[in-house]
Amino acid sequence: MHKIRVIESTLGYPQKNRMESESYEGVQTYMDMKDGSLIAVQPNKDDLMSQILSPDNLNRAYLQVVRNKGVGGVDRMDFKQLLPYLHEHKSELIESIRIGRYKPNSVRRVDIAKDNGKKRLIGIPTVVDRLIQQAIVQVLSPIYERQFSPSSFGFRPDVVRM
């Protein structure tokens, strides 16, 4: 189950020894409440993927991307061009995600002026990548949200700091 791995440094001698699991299966434990007791829940990976790729979830993700508007990524496709693209490529897009072959595109780098006169570099993903990211967030956020500390506010929609 475990093996010792020696990490070689650029100088050719061992830098660090550490135990590593040969697999990550069963490492993450999800907890839930049932009848007032904590129980361990192991979500089925295939079930999560089917939830992410469900027509309802993808439609909600599409509507959110359109509501957010935004400019195109490296491919320059904007949100108005997303629906025609999906009509033509939906099946192969979903299948590439399902079989693990989907690769997100590079992000478009843009300098944005800040109030103090300096610039901030931001990355703009393609609208297709934003759609997929949104579909994933919609399924995974409710799972992880219940595990976050009540005093953690970063990147958490609908959580208001009192």
C-alpha atoms as a PDB file:
ATOM      1  CA  MET A   1       0.000   0.000   0.000  1.00  0.00           C
ATOM      2  CA  HIS A   2       2.739   2.481   0.904  1.00  0.00           C
ATOM      3  CA  LYS A   3       6.184   2.793  -0.577  1.00  0.00           C
ATOM      4  CA  ILE A   4       9.207   4.896   0.261  1.00  0.00           C
ATOM      5  CA  ARG A   5      10.141   7.305  -2.489  1.00  0.00           C
ATOM      6  CA  VAL A   6      13.538   8.940  -2.615  1.00  0.00           C
ATOM      7  CA  ILE A   7      13.467  12.326  -4.269  1.00  0.00           C
ATOM      8  CA  GLU A   8      16.752  13.117  -5.998  1.00  0.00           C
ATOM      9  CA  SER A   9      17.945  16.694  -5.954  1.00  0.00           C
ATOM     10  CA  THR A  10      19.684  18.290  -8.904  1.00  0.00           C
ATOM     11  CA  LEU A  11      22.963  17.519  -7.123  1.00  0.00           C
ATOM     12  CA  GLY A  12      22.288  13.757  -7.304  1.00  0.00           C
ATOM     13  CA  TYR A  13      21.841  12.980  -3.626  1.00  0.00           C
ATOM     14  CA  PRO A  14      18.604  12.247  -1.753  1.00  0.00           C
ATOM     15  CA  GLN A  15      16.771  15.413  -0.852  1.00  0.00           C
ATOM     16  CA  LYS A  16      13.942  13.943   1.143  1.00  0.00           C
ATOM     17  CA  ASN A  17      12.447  10.576   2.004  1.00  0.00           C
ATOM     18  CA  ARG A  18       8.741  10.348   2.482  1.00  0.00           C
ATOM     19  CA  MET A  19       5.953   7.836   2.558  1.00  0.00           C
ATOM     20  CA  GLU A  20       3.513   8.102  -0.298  1.00  0.00           C
ATOM     21  CA  SER A  21       0.378   6.195  -0.912  1.00  0.00           C
ATOM     22  CA  GLU A  22       0.298   4.236  -4.167  1.00  0.00           C
ATOM     23  CA  SER A  23      -3.264   5.408  -4.631  1.00  0.00           C
ATOM     24  CA  TYR A  24      -5.552   8.073  -3.258  1.00  0.00           C
ATOM     25  CA  GLU A  25      -8.599   5.829  -3.224  1.00  0.00           C
ATOM     26  CA  GLY A  26     -10.526   6.221  -0.015  1.00  0.00           C
ATOM     27  CA  VAL A  27      -8.326   9.060   1.258  1.00  0.00           C
ATOM     28  CA  GLN A  28     -11.006  11.757   1.313  1.00  0.00           C
ATOM     29  CA  THR A  29     -13.829  11.225   3.768  1.00  0.00           C
ATOM     30  CA  TYR A  30     -17.040  13.176   3.388  1.00  0.00           C
ATOM     31  CA  MET A  31     -19.168  13.576   6.474  1.00  0.00           C
ATOM     32  CA  ASP A  32     -22.903  14.094   6.669  1.00  0.00           C
ATOM     33  CA  MET A  33     -25.535  14.166   9.395  1.00  0.00           C
ATOM     34  CA  LYS A  34     -28.164  11.465   9.646  1.00  0.00           C
ATOM     35  CA  ASP A  35     -30.516  11.148  12.596  1.00  0.00           C
ATOM     36  CA  GLY A  36     -28.310  13.471  14.652  1.00  0.00           C
ATOM     37  CA  SER A  37     -25.126  11.450  14.054  1.00  0.00           C
ATOM     38  CA  LEU A  38     -22.138  12.064  11.828  1.00  0.00           C
ATOM     39  CA  ILE A  39     -21.742   9.426   9.148  1.00  0.00           C
ATOM     40  CA  ALA A  40     -19.017   8.933   6.546  1.00  0.00           C
ATOM     41  CA  VAL A  41     -20.231   9.296   2.980  1.00  0.00           C
ATOM     42  CA  GLN A  42     -18.131   8.392  -0.047  1.00  0.00           C
ATOM     43  CA  PRO A  43     -19.625  10.014  -3.139  1.00  0.00           C
ATOM     44  CA  ASN A  44     -19.504   7.905  -6.257  1.00  0.00           C
ATOM     45  CA  LYS A  45     -17.167   9.497  -8.810  1.00  0.00           C
ATOM     46  CA  ASP A  46     -19.400   8.372 -11.679  1.00  0.00           C
ATOM     47  CA  ASP A  47     -22.410   9.851  -9.909  1.00  0.00           C
ATOM     48  CA  LEU A  48     -20.635  13.205  -9.550  1.00  0.00           C
ATOM     49  CA  MET A  49     -19.721  13.188 -13.233  1.00  0.00           C
ATOM     50  CA  SER A  50     -23.285  12.375 -14.247  1.00  0.00           C
ATOM     51  CA  GLN A  51     -24.515  15.245 -12.048  1.00  0.00           C
ATOM     52  CA  ILE A  52     -21.990  17.645 -13.590  1.00  0.00           C
ATOM     53  CA  LEU A  53     -22.879  16.607 -17.141  1.00  0.00           C
ATOM     54  CA  SER A  54     -26.637  16.411 -16.595  1.00  0.00           C
ATOM     55  CA  PRO A  55     -28.676  18.522 -19.032  1.00  0.00           C
ATOM     56  CA  ASP A  56     -30.251  20.474 -16.159  1.00  0.00           C
ATOM     57  CA  ASN A  57     -26.881  21.349 -14.610  1.00  0.00           C
ATOM     58  CA  LEU A  58     -25.325  22.264 -17.966  1.00  0.00           C
ATOM     59  CA  ASN A  59     -28.318  24.463 -18.808  1.00  0.00           C
ATOM     60  CA  ARG A  60     -28.026  26.287 -15.472  1.00  0.00           C
ATOM     61  CA  ALA A  61     -24.281  26.711 -16.064  1.00  0.00           C
ATOM     62  CA  TYR A  62     -24.949  28.085 -19.550  1.00  0.00           C
ATOM     63  CA  LEU A  63     -27.464  30.617 -18.200  1.00  0.00           C
ATOM     64  CA  GLN A  64     -24.983  31.753 -15.537  1.00  0.00           C
ATOM     65  CA  VAL A  65     -22.190  32.234 -18.098  1.00  0.00           C
ATOM     66  CA  VAL A  66     -24.559  34.258 -20.307  1.00  0.00           C
ATOM     67  CA  ARG A  67     -25.691  36.366 -17.308  1.00  0.00           C
ATOM     68  CA  ASN A  68     -22.053  37.070 -16.438  1.00  0.00           C
ATOM     69  CA  LYS A  69     -21.367  38.164 -20.024  1.00  0.00           C
ATOM     70  CA  GLY A  70     -17.660  38.874 -20.236  1.00  0.00           C
ATOM     71  CA  VAL A  71     -15.277  38.934 -23.142  1.00  0.00           C
ATOM     72  CA  GLY A  72     -13.845  36.009 -25.060  1.00  0.00           C
ATOM     73  CA  GLY A  73     -10.744  34.099 -24.102  1.00  0.00           C
ATOM     74  CA  VAL A  74      -7.861  33.148 -26.399  1.00  0.00           C
ATOM     75  CA  ASP A  75     -10.345  31.930 -29.020  1.00  0.00           C
ATOM     76  CA  ARG A  76     -12.176  35.321 -28.906  1.00  0.00           C
ATOM     77  CA  MET A  77     -15.554  33.520 -28.730  1.00  0.00           C
ATOM     78  CA  ASP A  78     -17.884  35.625 -26.614  1.00  0.00           C
ATOM     79  CA  PHE A  79     -20.937  34.484 -24.665  1.00  0.00           C
ATOM     80  CA  LYS A  80     -23.256  35.274 -27.612  1.00  0.00           C
ATOM     81  CA  GLN A  81     -21.470  32.661 -29.726  1.00  0.00           C
ATOM     82  CA  LEU A  82     -21.644  29.945 -27.072  1.00  0.00           C
ATOM     83  CA  LEU A  83     -25.112  28.586 -27.890  1.00  0.00           C
ATOM     84  CA  PRO A  84     -24.415  28.019 -31.612  1.00  0.00           C
ATOM     85  CA  TYR A  85     -21.110  26.386 -30.646  1.00  0.00           C
ATOM     86  CA  LEU A  86     -22.865  24.058 -28.196  1.00  0.00           C
ATOM     87  CA  HIS A  87     -25.523  23.103 -30.755  1.00  0.00           C
ATOM     88  CA  GLU A  88     -22.742  21.918 -33.037  1.00  0.00           C
ATOM     89  CA  HIS A  89     -20.222  20.469 -30.542  1.00  0.00           C
ATOM     90  CA  LYS A  90     -22.187  19.519 -27.407  1.00  0.00           C
ATOM     91  CA  SER A  91     -21.936  15.748 -27.856  1.00  0.00           C
ATOM     92  CA  GLU A  92     -18.181  15.606 -28.418  1.00  0.00           C
ATOM     93  CA  LEU A  93     -17.569  18.147 -25.634  1.00  0.00           C
ATOM     94  CA  ILE A  94     -19.540  16.081 -23.106  1.00  0.00           C
ATOM     95  CA  GLU A  95     -17.911  12.839 -24.237  1.00  0.00           C
ATOM     96  CA  SER A  96     -14.396  14.318 -23.991  1.00  0.00           C
ATOM     97  CA  ILE A  97     -15.144  15.368 -20.400  1.00  0.00           C
ATOM     98  CA  ARG A  98     -16.716  12.015 -19.539  1.00  0.00           C
ATOM     99  CA  ILE A  99     -13.686  10.010 -20.747  1.00  0.00           C
ATOM    100  CA  GLY A 100     -11.140  12.407 -19.229  1.00  0.00           C
ATOM    101  CA  ARG A 101      -9.725  13.785 -22.475  1.00  0.00           C
ATOM    102  CA  TYR A 102     -10.970  17.354 -22.190  1.00  0.00           C
ATOM    103  CA  LYS A 103      -8.161  19.883 -21.879  1.00  0.00           C
ATOM    104  CA  PRO A 104      -8.971  23.467 -20.895  1.00  0.00           C
ATOM    105  CA  ASN A 105      -7.651  26.135 -23.226  1.00  0.00           C
ATOM    106  CA  SER A 106      -4.977  28.638 -22.301  1.00  0.00           C
ATOM    107  CA  VAL A 107      -6.239  31.789 -20.659  1.00  0.00           C
ATOM    108  CA  ARG A 108      -6.032  35.157 -22.355  1.00  0.00           C
ATOM    109  CA  ARG A 109      -3.811  37.528 -20.355  1.00  0.00           C
ATOM    110  CA  VAL A 110      -5.016  41.116 -20.092  1.00  0.00           C
ATOM    111  CA  ASP A 111      -3.608  44.084 -18.169  1.00  0.00           C
ATOM    112  CA  ILE A 112      -6.294  45.957 -16.233  1.00  0.00           C
ATOM    113  CA  ALA A 113      -5.635  49.457 -14.884  1.00  0.00           C
ATOM    114  CA  LYS A 114      -6.022  49.816 -11.121  1.00  0.00           C
ATOM    115  CA  ASP A 115      -7.174  52.946  -9.255  1.00  0.00           C
ATOM    116  CA  ASN A 116      -3.611  53.694  -8.139  1.00  0.00           C
ATOM    117  CA  GLY A 117      -2.361  53.828 -11.751  1.00  0.00           C
ATOM    118  CA  LYS A 118      -0.687  50.428 -11.628  1.00  0.00           C
ATOM    119  CA  LYS A 119      -1.820  47.495 -13.723  1.00  0.00           C
ATOM    120  CA  ARG A 120      -3.102  44.097 -12.719  1.00  0.00           C
ATOM    121  CA  LEU A 121      -2.709  41.058 -14.954  1.00  0.00           C
ATOM    122  CA  ILE A 122      -5.833  38.903 -15.190  1.00  0.00           C
ATOM    123  CA  GLY A 123      -6.503  35.658 -17.032  1.00  0.00           C
ATOM    124  CA  ILE A 124      -9.674  35.258 -19.081  1.00  0.00           C
ATOM    125  CA  PRO A 125     -10.755  31.672 -19.784  1.00  0.00           C
ATOM    126  CA  THR A 126     -12.725  30.785 -22.900  1.00  0.00           C
ATOM    127  CA  VAL A 127     -16.520  30.777 -22.566  1.00  0.00           C
ATOM    128  CA  VAL A 128     -16.533  26.993 -23.078  1.00  0.00           C
ATOM    129  CA  ASP A 129     -14.110  26.577 -20.171  1.00  0.00           C
ATOM    130  CA  ARG A 130     -16.225  28.960 -18.069  1.00  0.00           C
ATOM    131  CA  LEU A 131     -19.288  26.826 -18.830  1.00  0.00           C
ATOM    132  CA  ILE A 132     -17.515  23.660 -17.701  1.00  0.00           C
ATOM    133  CA  GLN A 133     -16.086  25.351 -14.599  1.00  0.00           C
ATOM    134  CA  GLN A 134     -19.532  26.658 -13.674  1.00  0.00           C
ATOM    135  CA  ALA A 135     -21.094  23.202 -14.126  1.00  0.00           C
ATOM    136  CA  ILE A 136     -18.461  21.714 -11.804  1.00  0.00           C
ATOM    137  CA  VAL A 137     -18.864  24.469  -9.190  1.00  0.00           C
ATOM    138  CA  GLN A 138     -22.645  24.004  -9.097  1.00  0.00           C
ATOM    139  CA  VAL A 139     -22.241  20.334  -8.154  1.00  0.00           C
ATOM    140  CA  LEU A 140     -19.189  20.467  -5.892  1.00  0.00           C
ATOM    141  CA  SER A 141     -19.935  23.662  -3.936  1.00  0.00           C
ATOM    142  CA  PRO A 142     -22.877  22.214  -1.988  1.00  0.00           C
ATOM    143  CA  ILE A 143     -20.728  19.198  -1.049  1.00  0.00           C
ATOM    144  CA  TYR A 144     -17.822  21.266   0.262  1.00  0.00           C
ATOM    145  CA  GLU A 145     -19.808  24.209   1.608  1.00  0.00           C
ATOM    146  CA  ARG A 146     -21.035  22.261   4.630  1.00  0.00           C
ATOM    147  CA  GLN A 147     -17.427  21.423   5.575  1.00  0.00           C
ATOM    148  CA  PHE A 148     -16.107  25.002   5.586  1.00  0.00           C
ATOM    149  CA  SER A 149     -15.536  26.859   8.799  1.00  0.00           C
ATOM    150  CA  PRO A 150     -18.265  29.392   9.630  1.00  0.00           C
ATOM    151  CA  SER A 151     -15.512  32.018   9.940  1.00  0.00           C
ATOM    152  CA  SER A 152     -14.171  31.375   6.410  1.00  0.00           C
ATOM    153  CA  PHE A 153     -15.498  33.899   3.891  1.00  0.00           C
ATOM    154  CA  GLY A 154     -13.129  33.821   0.898  1.00  0.00           C
ATOM    155  CA  PHE A 155     -14.615  32.817  -2.464  1.00  0.00           C
ATOM    156  CA  ARG A 156     -17.873  31.705  -0.902  1.00  0.00           C
ATOM    157  CA  PRO A 157     -20.982  33.023  -2.618  1.00  0.00           C
ATOM    158  CA  ASP A 158     -23.949  33.799  -0.392  1.00  0.00           C
ATOM    159  CA  VAL A 159     -21.812  33.850   2.774  1.00  0.00           C
ATOM    160  CA  VAL A 160     -21.992  37.247   4.437  1.00  0.00           C
ATOM    161  CA  ARG A 161     -19.510  38.370   7.061  1.00  0.00           C
ATOM    162  CA  MET A 162     -21.273  39.723  10.128  1.00  0.00           C
END
